[in-house]
């Protein structure tokens, strides 16, 4: 048995809540704030072949 399997014997599964429930208003606001912060820090560059990568956004 691998180390993660042994840990699960004692601590249980990593995710125990349902992922199908609706987001609360507080969680929606938190997600929007985190996405805005991410957009301010990083820039996504897409190549002609469709692949993309991220770069730190240049500070003005």
PDB file of N, CA and C in Angstrom:
ATOM      1  N   UNK A   1       0.840  -1.175   0.000  1.00  0.00           N
ATOM      2  CA  UNK A   1       0.000   0.000   0.000  1.00  0.00           C
ATOM      3  C   UNK A   1       0.889   1.244   0.000  1.00  0.00           C
ATOM      4  N   UNK A   2       0.546   2.187  -0.830  1.00  0.00           N
ATOM      5  CA  UNK A   2       1.333   3.414  -0.924  1.00  0.00           C
ATOM      6  C   UNK A   2       1.091   4.303   0.288  1.00  0.00           C
ATOM      7  N   UNK A   3       1.942   5.300   0.433  1.00  0.00           N
ATOM      8  CA  UNK A   3       1.845   6.210   1.580  1.00  0.00           C
ATOM      9  C   UNK A   3       0.510   6.945   1.606  1.00  0.00           C
ATOM     10  N   UNK A   4       0.003   7.343   0.428  1.00  0.00           N
ATOM     11  CA  UNK A   4      -1.278   8.055   0.416  1.00  0.00           C
ATOM     12  C   UNK A   4      -2.417   7.150   0.852  1.00  0.00           C
ATOM     13  N   UNK A   5      -2.340   5.873   0.486  1.00  0.00           N
ATOM     14  CA  UNK A   5      -3.366   4.925   0.915  1.00  0.00           C
ATOM     15  C   UNK A   5      -3.345   4.726   2.412  1.00  0.00           C
ATOM     16  N   UNK A   6      -2.151   4.676   2.985  1.00  0.00           N
ATOM     17  CA  UNK A   6      -2.026   4.539   4.436  1.00  0.00           C
ATOM     18  C   UNK A   6      -2.568   5.772   5.143  1.00  0.00           C
ATOM     19  N   UNK A   7      -2.296   6.945   4.591  1.00  0.00           N
ATOM     20  CA  UNK A   7      -2.798   8.176   5.203  1.00  0.00           C
ATOM     21  C   UNK A   7      -4.320   8.217   5.152  1.00  0.00           C
ATOM     22  N   UNK A   8      -4.913   7.740   4.058  1.00  0.00           N
ATOM     23  CA  UNK A   8      -6.369   7.743   3.935  1.00  0.00           C
ATOM     24  C   UNK A   8      -7.021   6.787   4.917  1.00  0.00           C
ATOM     25  N   UNK A   9      -6.313   5.745   5.308  1.00  0.00           N
ATOM     26  CA  UNK A   9      -6.860   4.839   6.320  1.00  0.00           C
ATOM     27  C   UNK A   9      -7.119   5.602   7.617  1.00  0.00           C
ATOM     28  N   UNK A  10      -6.256   6.533   7.945  1.00  0.00           N
ATOM     29  CA  UNK A  10      -6.382   7.278   9.198  1.00  0.00           C
ATOM     30  C   UNK A  10      -7.196   8.553   9.052  1.00  0.00           C
ATOM     31  N   UNK A  11      -6.989   9.296   7.958  1.00  0.00           N
ATOM     32  CA  UNK A  11      -7.596  10.615   7.825  1.00  0.00           C
ATOM     33  C   UNK A  11      -8.834  10.644   6.948  1.00  0.00           C
ATOM     34  N   UNK A  12      -9.118   9.590   6.223  1.00  0.00           N
ATOM     35  CA  UNK A  12     -10.280   9.567   5.351  1.00  0.00           C
ATOM     36  C   UNK A  12      -9.974  10.204   4.007  1.00  0.00           C
ATOM     37  N   UNK A  13     -10.977  10.311   3.130  1.00  0.00           N
ATOM     38  CA  UNK A  13     -10.748  10.870   1.798  1.00  0.00           C
ATOM     39  C   UNK A  13     -10.421  12.360   1.860  1.00  0.00           C
ATOM     40  N   UNK A  14      -9.763  12.848   0.828  1.00  0.00           N
ATOM     41  CA  UNK A  14      -9.349  14.252   0.802  1.00  0.00           C
ATOM     42  C   UNK A  14     -10.549  15.187   0.681  1.00  0.00           C
ATOM     43  N   UNK A  15     -11.532  14.835  -0.116  1.00  0.00           N
ATOM     44  CA  UNK A  15     -12.699  15.683  -0.329  1.00  0.00           C
ATOM     45  C   UNK A  15     -13.923  14.939   0.179  1.00  0.00           C
ATOM     46  N   UNK A  16     -14.602  15.501   1.173  1.00  0.00           N
ATOM     47  CA  UNK A  16     -15.755  14.799   1.723  1.00  0.00           C
ATOM     48  C   UNK A  16     -17.074  15.526   1.480  1.00  0.00           C
ATOM     49  N   UNK A  17     -17.025  16.746   0.927  1.00  0.00           N
ATOM     50  CA  UNK A  17     -18.271  17.466   0.672  1.00  0.00           C
ATOM     51  C   UNK A  17     -18.670  17.307  -0.792  1.00  0.00           C
ATOM     52  N   UNK A  18     -19.924  17.552  -1.057  1.00  0.00           N
ATOM     53  CA  UNK A  18     -20.448  17.430  -2.410  1.00  0.00           C
ATOM     54  C   UNK A  18     -19.951  18.584  -3.273  1.00  0.00           C
ATOM     55  N   UNK A  19     -19.658  18.300  -4.512  1.00  0.00           N
ATOM     56  CA  UNK A  19     -19.217  19.343  -5.435  1.00  0.00           C
ATOM     57  C   UNK A  19     -20.356  19.832  -6.319  1.00  0.00           C
ATOM     58  N   UNK A  20     -21.561  19.304  -6.126  1.00  0.00           N
ATOM     59  CA  UNK A  20     -22.680  19.657  -6.989  1.00  0.00           C
ATOM     60  C   UNK A  20     -23.583  20.731  -6.395  1.00  0.00           C
ATOM     61  N   UNK A  21     -23.270  21.239  -5.209  1.00  0.00           N
ATOM     62  CA  UNK A  21     -24.130  22.251  -4.599  1.00  0.00           C
ATOM     63  C   UNK A  21     -23.873  23.619  -5.223  1.00  0.00           C
ATOM     64  N   UNK A  22     -24.856  24.519  -5.092  1.00  0.00           N
ATOM     65  CA  UNK A  22     -24.725  25.870  -5.626  1.00  0.00           C
ATOM     66  C   UNK A  22     -23.755  26.680  -4.772  1.00  0.00           C
ATOM     67  N   UNK A  23     -23.083  27.626  -5.422  1.00  0.00           N
ATOM     68  CA  UNK A  23     -22.161  28.497  -4.693  1.00  0.00           C
ATOM     69  C   UNK A  23     -22.957  29.525  -3.900  1.00  0.00           C
ATOM     70  N   UNK A  24     -22.469  29.838  -2.717  1.00  0.00           N
ATOM     71  CA  UNK A  24     -23.101  30.888  -1.928  1.00  0.00           C
ATOM     72  C   UNK A  24     -22.684  32.239  -2.495  1.00  0.00           C
ATOM     73  N   UNK A  25     -23.409  33.274  -2.134  1.00  0.00           N
ATOM     74  CA  UNK A  25     -23.089  34.623  -2.612  1.00  0.00           C
ATOM     75  C   UNK A  25     -21.699  35.051  -2.145  1.00  0.00           C
ATOM     76  N   UNK A  26     -21.356  34.671  -0.923  1.00  0.00           N
ATOM     77  CA  UNK A  26     -20.033  35.004  -0.381  1.00  0.00           C
ATOM     78  C   UNK A  26     -18.927  34.337  -1.203  1.00  0.00           C
ATOM     79  N   UNK A  27     -19.132  33.068  -1.574  1.00  0.00           N
ATOM     80  CA  UNK A  27     -18.139  32.353  -2.377  1.00  0.00           C
ATOM     81  C   UNK A  27     -18.031  32.936  -3.784  1.00  0.00           C
ATOM     82  N   UNK A  28     -19.152  33.385  -4.349  1.00  0.00           N
ATOM     83  CA  UNK A  28     -19.121  34.003  -5.674  1.00  0.00           C
ATOM     84  C   UNK A  28     -18.306  35.290  -5.647  1.00  0.00           C
ATOM     85  N   UNK A  29     -18.491  36.091  -4.585  1.00  0.00           N
ATOM     86  CA  UNK A  29     -17.738  37.337  -4.457  1.00  0.00           C
ATOM     87  C   UNK A  29     -16.252  37.056  -4.256  1.00  0.00           C
ATOM     88  N   UNK A  30     -15.934  36.051  -3.457  1.00  0.00           N
ATOM     89  CA  UNK A  30     -14.544  35.679  -3.221  1.00  0.00           C
ATOM     90  C   UNK A  30     -13.889  35.199  -4.516  1.00  0.00           C
ATOM     91  N   UNK A  31     -14.593  34.385  -5.287  1.00  0.00           N
ATOM     92  CA  UNK A  31     -14.064  33.897  -6.557  1.00  0.00           C
ATOM     93  C   UNK A  31     -13.811  35.051  -7.520  1.00  0.00           C
ATOM     94  N   UNK A  32     -14.752  35.991  -7.606  1.00  0.00           N
ATOM     95  CA  UNK A  32     -14.583  37.141  -8.501  1.00  0.00           C
ATOM     96  C   UNK A  32     -13.376  37.981  -8.087  1.00  0.00           C
ATOM     97  N   UNK A  33     -13.176  38.160  -6.780  1.00  0.00           N
ATOM     98  CA  UNK A  33     -12.031  38.933  -6.291  1.00  0.00           C
ATOM     99  C   UNK A  33     -10.719  38.221  -6.603  1.00  0.00           C
ATOM    100  N   UNK A  34     -10.690  36.905  -6.429  1.00  0.00           N
ATOM    101  CA  UNK A  34      -9.475  36.142  -6.721  1.00  0.00           C
ATOM    102  C   UNK A  34      -9.157  36.158  -8.212  1.00  0.00           C
ATOM    103  N   UNK A  35     -10.186  36.074  -9.050  1.00  0.00           N
ATOM    104  CA  UNK A  35      -9.964  36.105 -10.494  1.00  0.00           C
ATOM    105  C   UNK A  35      -9.471  37.476 -10.942  1.00  0.00           C
ATOM    106  N   UNK A  36      -9.989  38.549 -10.341  1.00  0.00           N
ATOM    107  CA  UNK A  36      -9.529  39.898 -10.679  1.00  0.00           C
ATOM    108  C   UNK A  36      -8.075  40.092 -10.258  1.00  0.00           C
ATOM    109  N   UNK A  37      -7.711  39.568  -9.094  1.00  0.00           N
ATOM    110  CA  UNK A  37      -6.330  39.664  -8.624  1.00  0.00           C
ATOM    111  C   UNK A  37      -5.390  38.892  -9.548  1.00  0.00           C
ATOM    112  N   UNK A  38      -5.822  37.716  -9.974  1.00  0.00           N
ATOM    113  CA  UNK A  38      -5.017  36.904 -10.891  1.00  0.00           C
ATOM    114  C   UNK A  38      -4.830  37.611 -12.224  1.00  0.00           C
ATOM    115  N   UNK A  39      -5.899  38.221 -12.728  1.00  0.00           N
ATOM    116  CA  UNK A  39      -5.830  38.910 -14.014  1.00  0.00           C
ATOM    117  C   UNK A  39      -4.890  40.109 -13.947  1.00  0.00           C
ATOM    118  N   UNK A  40      -4.800  40.746 -12.779  1.00  0.00           N
ATOM    119  CA  UNK A  40      -3.902  41.883 -12.608  1.00  0.00           C
ATOM    120  C   UNK A  40      -2.442  41.446 -12.541  1.00  0.00           C
ATOM    121  N   UNK A  41      -2.175  40.226 -12.105  1.00  0.00           N
ATOM    122  CA  UNK A  41      -0.800  39.747 -11.934  1.00  0.00           C
ATOM    123  C   UNK A  41      -0.250  39.025 -13.157  1.00  0.00           C
ATOM    124  N   UNK A  42      -1.116  38.337 -13.913  1.00  0.00           N
ATOM    125  CA  UNK A  42      -0.647  37.454 -14.979  1.00  0.00           C
ATOM    126  C   UNK A  42      -1.291  37.802 -16.306  1.00  0.00           C
ATOM    127  N   UNK A  43      -0.571  37.524 -17.380  1.00  0.00           N
ATOM    128  CA  UNK A  43      -1.059  37.749 -18.732  1.00  0.00           C
ATOM    129  C   UNK A  43      -0.976  36.426 -19.493  1.00  0.00           C
ATOM    130  N   UNK A  44      -2.050  36.030 -20.140  1.00  0.00           N
ATOM    131  CA  UNK A  44      -2.060  34.795 -20.923  1.00  0.00           C
ATOM    132  C   UNK A  44      -1.705  35.116 -22.366  1.00  0.00           C
ATOM    133  N   UNK A  45      -0.700  34.436 -22.884  1.00  0.00           N
ATOM    134  CA  UNK A  45      -0.252  34.625 -24.264  1.00  0.00           C
ATOM    135  C   UNK A  45      -0.600  33.356 -25.037  1.00  0.00           C
ATOM    136  N   UNK A  46      -1.279  33.532 -26.172  1.00  0.00           N
ATOM    137  CA  UNK A  46      -1.669  32.397 -27.007  1.00  0.00           C
ATOM    138  C   UNK A  46      -0.848  32.411 -28.285  1.00  0.00           C
ATOM    139  N   UNK A  47      -0.257  31.302 -28.601  1.00  0.00           N
ATOM    140  CA  UNK A  47       0.540  31.163 -29.823  1.00  0.00           C
ATOM    141  C   UNK A  47      -0.367  30.853 -31.000  1.00  0.00           C
ATOM    142  N   UNK A  48       0.190  30.934 -32.201  1.00  0.00           N
ATOM    143  CA  UNK A  48      -0.578  30.677 -33.422  1.00  0.00           C
ATOM    144  C   UNK A  48      -1.071  29.237 -33.490  1.00  0.00           C
ATOM    145  N   UNK A  49      -0.337  28.304 -32.863  1.00  0.00           N
ATOM    146  CA  UNK A  49      -0.756  26.899 -32.909  1.00  0.00           C
ATOM    147  C   UNK A  49      -1.841  26.570 -31.885  1.00  0.00           C
ATOM    148  N   UNK A  50      -2.266  27.557 -31.102  1.00  0.00           N
ATOM    149  CA  UNK A  50      -3.338  27.348 -30.138  1.00  0.00           C
ATOM    150  C   UNK A  50      -2.869  27.093 -28.725  1.00  0.00           C
ATOM    151  N   UNK A  51      -1.584  26.826 -28.539  1.00  0.00           N
ATOM    152  CA  UNK A  51      -1.074  26.617 -27.181  1.00  0.00           C
ATOM    153  C   UNK A  51      -0.962  27.962 -26.472  1.00  0.00           C
ATOM    154  N   UNK A  52      -1.027  27.935 -25.172  1.00  0.00           N
ATOM    155  CA  UNK A  52      -0.955  29.176 -24.412  1.00  0.00           C
ATOM    156  C   UNK A  52      -0.048  29.004 -23.207  1.00  0.00           C
ATOM    157  N   UNK A  53       0.436  30.129 -22.704  1.00  0.00           N
ATOM    158  CA  UNK A  53       1.261  30.140 -21.511  1.00  0.00           C
ATOM    159  C   UNK A  53       1.040  31.460 -20.797  1.00  0.00           C
ATOM    160  N   UNK A  54       1.458  31.537 -19.552  1.00  0.00           N
ATOM    161  CA  UNK A  54       1.249  32.761 -18.790  1.00  0.00           C
ATOM    162  C   UNK A  54       2.583  33.425 -18.495  1.00  0.00           C
ATOM    163  N   UNK A  55       2.532  34.754 -18.436  1.00  0.00           N
ATOM    164  CA  UNK A  55       3.693  35.573 -18.114  1.00  0.00           C
ATOM    165  C   UNK A  55       3.292  36.571 -17.040  1.00  0.00           C
ATOM    166  N   UNK A  56       4.236  36.984 -16.208  1.00  0.00           N
ATOM    167  CA  UNK A  56       3.914  38.045 -15.253  1.00  0.00           C
ATOM    168  C   UNK A  56       3.569  39.321 -16.023  1.00  0.00           C
ATOM    169  N   UNK A  57       2.530  40.013 -15.584  1.00  0.00           N
ATOM    170  CA  UNK A  57       2.127  41.250 -16.243  1.00  0.00           C
ATOM    171  C   UNK A  57       3.147  42.331 -15.917  1.00  0.00           C
ATOM    172  N   UNK A  58       3.492  43.133 -16.920  1.00  0.00           N
ATOM    173  CA  UNK A  58       4.468  44.206 -16.728  1.00  0.00           C
ATOM    174  C   UNK A  58       3.854  45.310 -15.876  1.00  0.00           C
ATOM    175  N   UNK A  59       4.603  45.750 -14.871  1.00  0.00           N
ATOM    176  CA  UNK A  59       4.141  46.833 -14.003  1.00  0.00           C
ATOM    177  C   UNK A  59       4.450  48.170 -14.671  1.00  0.00           C
ATOM    178  N   UNK A  60       3.471  49.055 -14.738  1.00  0.00           N
ATOM    179  CA  UNK A  60       3.672  50.368 -15.376  1.00  0.00           C
ATOM    180  C   UNK A  60       4.271  51.354 -14.426  1.00  0.00           C
TER     181      UNK A  60
END
